[in-house]
Amino acid sequence: TKDYSKSANTFYKLCIKENSEESCFYAVISYSYLGKLNEDRINECYSKLSNGSPYNIVAKWYIGLAYLNHNKRDAALDLFKELVVTGGYKSKESKEI
């Protein structure tokens, strides 16, 4: 089963304790899939991802989708615009949005 709440909390604890990009990335992804948007935790974990790292770029896409799902269109569009500018991962899809 997909228990994103448990996964998010586990990855969050690892992200804070170990400060590893992998744990922080998976925390962001897990929180993005939850029905309730936890922006504080998403932002805290996202801030630990290095600019330009593959984890950072992919996380932008998932955070943008979470924002769209929670009617935060402007915040989502800001992230999608960044993906368009940098090119690469989901830039084509981001431009279409």
C-alpha atoms as a PDB file:
ATOM      1  CA  THR A   1       0.000   0.000   0.000  1.00  0.00           C
ATOM      2  CA  LYS A   2       0.991   3.595  -0.480  1.00  0.00           C
ATOM      3  CA  ASP A   3       1.292   5.126   2.976  1.00  0.00           C
ATOM      4  CA  TYR A   4       2.721   8.509   2.049  1.00  0.00           C
ATOM      5  CA  SER A   5       2.148   9.944   5.519  1.00  0.00           C
ATOM      6  CA  LYS A   6       4.342   7.322   7.174  1.00  0.00           C
ATOM      7  CA  SER A   7       6.920   7.563   4.386  1.00  0.00           C
ATOM      8  CA  ALA A   8       6.968  11.358   4.561  1.00  0.00           C
ATOM      9  CA  ASN A   9       7.548  11.351   8.309  1.00  0.00           C
ATOM     10  CA  THR A  10      10.276   8.696   8.078  1.00  0.00           C
ATOM     11  CA  PHE A  11      12.111  10.502   5.270  1.00  0.00           C
ATOM     12  CA  TYR A  12      11.675  13.821   7.091  1.00  0.00           C
ATOM     13  CA  LYS A  13      13.365  12.444  10.204  1.00  0.00           C
ATOM     14  CA  LEU A  14      16.227  11.068   8.091  1.00  0.00           C
ATOM     15  CA  CYS A  15      16.521  14.350   6.208  1.00  0.00           C
ATOM     16  CA  ILE A  16      16.865  16.325   9.431  1.00  0.00           C
ATOM     17  CA  LYS A  17      19.099  13.803  11.185  1.00  0.00           C
ATOM     18  CA  GLU A  18      21.429  12.878   8.308  1.00  0.00           C
ATOM     19  CA  ASN A  19      20.997  15.914   6.059  1.00  0.00           C
ATOM     20  CA  SER A  20      21.201  13.642   3.020  1.00  0.00           C
ATOM     21  CA  GLU A  21      19.837  14.870  -0.292  1.00  0.00           C
ATOM     22  CA  GLU A  22      18.245  11.492  -0.981  1.00  0.00           C
ATOM     23  CA  SER A  23      16.213  11.509   2.240  1.00  0.00           C
ATOM     24  CA  CYS A  24      15.239  15.146   1.779  1.00  0.00           C
ATOM     25  CA  PHE A  25      14.192  14.506  -1.818  1.00  0.00           C
ATOM     26  CA  TYR A  26      11.998  11.550  -0.894  1.00  0.00           C
ATOM     27  CA  ALA A  27      10.475  13.537   1.967  1.00  0.00           C
ATOM     28  CA  VAL A  28       9.502  16.273  -0.507  1.00  0.00           C
ATOM     29  CA  ILE A  29       8.008  13.725  -2.901  1.00  0.00           C
ATOM     30  CA  SER A  30       6.086  11.950  -0.132  1.00  0.00           C
ATOM     31  CA  TYR A  31       4.719  15.198   1.308  1.00  0.00           C
ATOM     32  CA  SER A  32       3.701  16.250  -2.199  1.00  0.00           C
ATOM     33  CA  TYR A  33       1.442  13.227  -2.493  1.00  0.00           C
ATOM     34  CA  LEU A  34      -0.411  13.809   0.760  1.00  0.00           C
ATOM     35  CA  GLY A  35      -3.956  15.145   0.650  1.00  0.00           C
ATOM     36  CA  LYS A  36      -3.033  17.943   3.049  1.00  0.00           C
ATOM     37  CA  LEU A  37      -0.258  20.258   1.911  1.00  0.00           C
ATOM     38  CA  ASN A  38       2.479  20.615   4.523  1.00  0.00           C
ATOM     39  CA  GLU A  39       4.365  23.561   3.058  1.00  0.00           C
ATOM     40  CA  ASP A  40       6.601  24.025   6.081  1.00  0.00           C
ATOM     41  CA  ARG A  41       8.010  20.512   5.867  1.00  0.00           C
ATOM     42  CA  ILE A  42       8.226  20.579   2.079  1.00  0.00           C
ATOM     43  CA  ASN A  43      10.134  23.859   2.167  1.00  0.00           C
ATOM     44  CA  GLU A  44      12.391  22.721   4.997  1.00  0.00           C
ATOM     45  CA  CYS A  45      13.399  19.561   3.149  1.00  0.00           C
ATOM     46  CA  TYR A  46      13.588  21.287  -0.234  1.00  0.00           C
ATOM     47  CA  SER A  47      15.951  23.913   1.180  1.00  0.00           C
ATOM     48  CA  LYS A  48      18.487  21.165   1.889  1.00  0.00           C
ATOM     49  CA  LEU A  49      18.717  20.165  -1.781  1.00  0.00           C
ATOM     50  CA  SER A  50      21.645  21.728  -3.645  1.00  0.00           C
ATOM     51  CA  ASN A  51      20.786  24.152  -6.443  1.00  0.00           C
ATOM     52  CA  GLY A  52      21.185  22.467  -9.781  1.00  0.00           C
ATOM     53  CA  SER A  53      21.235  18.951  -8.350  1.00  0.00           C
ATOM     54  CA  PRO A  54      19.004  16.412 -10.087  1.00  0.00           C
ATOM     55  CA  TYR A  55      17.052  16.057  -6.833  1.00  0.00           C
ATOM     56  CA  ASN A  56      16.383  19.802  -6.702  1.00  0.00           C
ATOM     57  CA  ILE A  57      15.129  19.935 -10.277  1.00  0.00           C
ATOM     58  CA  VAL A  58      12.818  16.927  -9.995  1.00  0.00           C
ATOM     59  CA  ALA A  59      11.512  18.133  -6.629  1.00  0.00           C
ATOM     60  CA  LYS A  60      10.442  21.432  -8.231  1.00  0.00           C
ATOM     61  CA  TRP A  61       8.153  19.507 -10.572  1.00  0.00           C
ATOM     62  CA  TYR A  62       6.478  17.557  -7.773  1.00  0.00           C
ATOM     63  CA  ILE A  63       6.126  20.597  -5.519  1.00  0.00           C
ATOM     64  CA  GLY A  64       4.572  22.475  -8.437  1.00  0.00           C
ATOM     65  CA  LEU A  65       2.056  19.673  -8.961  1.00  0.00           C
ATOM     66  CA  ALA A  66       1.226  19.652  -5.243  1.00  0.00           C
ATOM     67  CA  TYR A  67       0.652  23.413  -5.353  1.00  0.00           C
ATOM     68  CA  LEU A  68      -1.668  23.006  -8.339  1.00  0.00           C
ATOM     69  CA  ASN A  69      -3.619  20.310  -6.500  1.00  0.00           C
ATOM     70  CA  HIS A  70      -4.075  22.706  -3.581  1.00  0.00           C
ATOM     71  CA  ASN A  71      -5.116  25.731  -5.664  1.00  0.00           C
ATOM     72  CA  LYS A  72      -1.809  27.561  -5.242  1.00  0.00           C
ATOM     73  CA  ARG A  73      -1.522  28.358  -8.926  1.00  0.00           C
ATOM     74  CA  ASP A  74       0.907  31.285  -8.655  1.00  0.00           C
ATOM     75  CA  ALA A  75       3.384  29.325  -6.533  1.00  0.00           C
ATOM     76  CA  ALA A  76       3.141  26.393  -8.951  1.00  0.00           C
ATOM     77  CA  LEU A  77       3.684  28.598 -11.994  1.00  0.00           C
ATOM     78  CA  ASP A  78       6.786  30.138 -10.423  1.00  0.00           C
ATOM     79  CA  LEU A  79       8.332  26.679 -10.084  1.00  0.00           C
ATOM     80  CA  PHE A  80       7.293  25.628 -13.574  1.00  0.00           C
ATOM     81  CA  LYS A  81       8.814  28.821 -15.022  1.00  0.00           C
ATOM     82  CA  GLU A  82      12.116  27.928 -13.336  1.00  0.00           C
ATOM     83  CA  LEU A  83      11.995  24.495 -14.968  1.00  0.00           C
ATOM     84  CA  VAL A  84      11.384  26.072 -18.375  1.00  0.00           C
ATOM     85  CA  VAL A  85      14.332  28.430 -17.942  1.00  0.00           C
ATOM     86  CA  THR A  86      16.732  25.700 -16.855  1.00  0.00           C
ATOM     87  CA  GLY A  87      15.574  23.291 -19.570  1.00  0.00           C
ATOM     88  CA  GLY A  88      15.830  19.553 -19.164  1.00  0.00           C
ATOM     89  CA  TYR A  89      13.572  17.688 -16.758  1.00  0.00           C
ATOM     90  CA  LYS A  90       9.879  18.402 -17.442  1.00  0.00           C
ATOM     91  CA  SER A  91      10.650  21.731 -19.119  1.00  0.00           C
ATOM     92  CA  LYS A  92       8.350  20.931 -22.051  1.00  0.00           C
ATOM     93  CA  GLU A  93       5.497  19.940 -19.745  1.00  0.00           C
ATOM     94  CA  SER A  94       6.129  22.975 -17.552  1.00  0.00           C
ATOM     95  CA  LYS A  95       5.910  25.274 -20.558  1.00  0.00           C
ATOM     96  CA  GLU A  96       2.565  23.754 -21.554  1.00  0.00           C
ATOM     97  CA  ILE A  97       1.144  24.453 -18.101  1.00  0.00           C
END
